[in-house]
N, C-alpha and C. Protein backbone atom coordinates (compact mmCIF):
# COMPACT_ATOMS: atom_id res chain seq x y z
N UNK A 1 10.17 -5.53 -16.72
CA UNK A 1 11.37 -5.91 -15.43
C UNK A 1 12.27 -4.85 -15.96
N UNK A 2 12.67 -4.07 -16.62
CA UNK A 2 13.38 -3.02 -16.70
C UNK A 2 13.47 -2.02 -16.37
N UNK A 3 12.14 -1.52 -16.72
CA UNK A 3 11.30 -0.22 -16.54
C UNK A 3 11.43 0.02 -14.47
N UNK A 4 11.27 -1.51 -13.95
CA UNK A 4 11.15 -1.33 -12.76
C UNK A 4 12.50 -1.43 -12.14
N UNK A 5 13.47 -2.25 -12.53
CA UNK A 5 14.76 -1.99 -12.01
C UNK A 5 15.09 -0.38 -12.27
N UNK A 6 15.18 0.05 -13.55
CA UNK A 6 15.44 1.48 -13.23
C UNK A 6 14.28 2.62 -12.05
N UNK A 7 13.23 1.90 -12.18
CA UNK A 7 12.45 3.29 -11.04
C UNK A 7 12.94 3.05 -9.62
N UNK A 8 13.42 1.50 -9.25
CA UNK A 8 13.56 1.21 -8.29
C UNK A 8 15.06 1.53 -7.75
N UNK A 9 15.90 1.34 -8.73
CA UNK A 9 17.11 1.99 -7.99
C UNK A 9 18.07 2.55 -9.23
N UNK A 10 17.10 3.32 -9.87
CA UNK A 10 18.00 4.22 -10.92
C UNK A 10 17.94 5.80 -10.12
N UNK A 11 17.10 6.17 -9.67
CA UNK A 11 17.56 7.11 -8.70
C UNK A 11 16.33 7.64 -7.42
N UNK A 12 16.42 8.39 -6.79
CA UNK A 12 15.83 8.40 -5.85
C UNK A 12 14.52 9.14 -5.48
N UNK A 13 14.22 9.73 -6.88
CA UNK A 13 11.91 10.05 -7.23
C UNK A 13 11.54 8.98 -7.68
N UNK A 14 11.68 7.65 -8.10
CA UNK A 14 11.63 6.70 -8.88
C UNK A 14 10.88 5.65 -7.09
N UNK A 15 12.19 5.62 -6.50
CA UNK A 15 12.40 4.97 -5.63
C UNK A 15 11.25 5.54 -4.23
N UNK A 16 11.56 6.64 -4.65
CA UNK A 16 9.95 7.56 -3.37
C UNK A 16 8.77 7.24 -3.74
N UNK A 17 8.93 7.35 -5.58
CA UNK A 17 7.31 6.92 -6.16
C UNK A 17 6.96 5.71 -5.62
N UNK A 18 7.54 4.74 -6.16
CA UNK A 18 7.04 3.28 -5.45
C UNK A 18 6.96 2.75 -4.05
N UNK A 19 7.35 3.51 -3.39
CA UNK A 19 7.27 3.55 -2.17
C UNK A 19 5.92 4.17 -1.36
N UNK A 20 5.74 5.46 -2.06
CA UNK A 20 4.57 6.10 -2.04
C UNK A 20 3.59 5.21 -2.61
N UNK A 21 3.31 4.68 -3.31
CA UNK A 21 2.20 4.18 -4.33
C UNK A 21 2.35 2.67 -3.38
N UNK A 22 2.90 2.42 -2.57
CA UNK A 22 2.59 0.88 -2.15
C UNK A 22 2.64 1.52 -0.50
N UNK A 23 3.13 2.38 0.01
CA UNK A 23 2.29 2.61 1.38
C UNK A 23 0.96 3.05 1.46
N UNK A 24 0.51 3.79 0.39
CA UNK A 24 -1.10 4.20 -0.03
C UNK A 24 -1.88 2.67 0.10
N UNK A 25 -1.26 1.84 -0.69
CA UNK A 25 -1.91 0.66 -0.69
C UNK A 25 -2.02 -0.19 0.53
N UNK A 26 -1.17 -0.07 1.23
CA UNK A 26 -0.99 -0.33 2.36
C UNK A 26 -2.07 -0.19 3.55
N UNK A 27 -1.66 1.39 3.59
CA UNK A 27 -2.98 2.12 4.92
C UNK A 27 -4.12 1.64 3.86
N UNK A 28 -4.57 1.42 2.68
CA UNK A 28 -6.18 1.48 2.31
C UNK A 28 -6.19 0.01 2.80
N UNK A 29 -5.41 -0.86 2.46
CA UNK A 29 -5.48 -2.21 3.15
C UNK A 29 -6.22 -1.91 4.23
N UNK A 30 -5.36 -1.85 5.04
CA UNK A 30 -5.59 -1.90 6.87
C UNK A 30 -6.93 -1.15 7.13
N UNK A 31 -7.07 -0.04 6.80
CA UNK A 31 -8.89 0.69 6.81
C UNK A 31 -9.59 -0.27 6.65
N UNK A 32 -9.12 -1.02 5.36
CA UNK A 32 -10.58 -1.59 5.13
C UNK A 32 -10.27 -3.11 5.73
N UNK A 33 -9.55 -3.64 6.39
CA UNK A 33 -9.39 -4.71 6.93
C UNK A 33 -10.37 -3.68 8.46
N UNK A 34 -9.98 -3.13 9.47
CA UNK A 34 -10.27 -2.48 10.24
C UNK A 34 -11.91 -2.54 10.28
N UNK A 35 -12.45 -1.88 8.91
CA UNK A 35 -13.38 -1.48 8.65
C UNK A 35 -14.80 -2.85 8.50
N UNK A 36 -13.77 -3.88 7.80
CA UNK A 36 -14.72 -5.51 8.11
C UNK A 36 -14.79 -5.94 9.54
N UNK A 37 -13.43 -5.69 10.37
CA UNK A 37 -13.89 -6.40 11.92
C UNK A 37 -14.71 -5.13 12.66
N UNK A 38 -14.22 -4.41 12.32
CA UNK A 38 -15.53 -3.02 12.96
C UNK A 38 -17.24 -3.37 12.89
N UNK A 39 -17.21 -3.52 11.61
CA UNK A 39 -18.38 -3.77 11.01
C UNK A 39 -19.15 -5.03 11.05
N UNK A 40 -18.80 -6.14 12.01
CA UNK A 40 -19.28 -7.80 12.06
C UNK A 40 -20.48 -7.18 12.81
N UNK A 41 -20.87 -8.75 13.01
CA UNK A 41 -22.54 -8.17 13.61
C UNK A 41 -22.05 -9.13 15.34
N UNK A 42 -22.35 -8.32 16.22
CA UNK A 42 -21.85 -8.65 17.68
C UNK A 42 -22.99 -9.77 17.57
N UNK A 43 -22.26 -10.89 18.65
CA UNK A 43 -23.44 -11.85 19.19
C UNK A 43 -23.39 -11.69 20.72
N UNK A 44 -24.81 -11.45 21.26
CA UNK A 44 -24.71 -11.30 22.27
C UNK A 44 -26.57 -11.45 22.40
């Protein structure tokens, strides 16, 4: 836990790297949800 606190609040580079990783995970999750919604079979 001390490592994460040091990364988050120790310097700007650590915070930027954590924000980048979290942002990438959010974007991949959003694209995955969009693909799942688009690939649903249509009831016609």
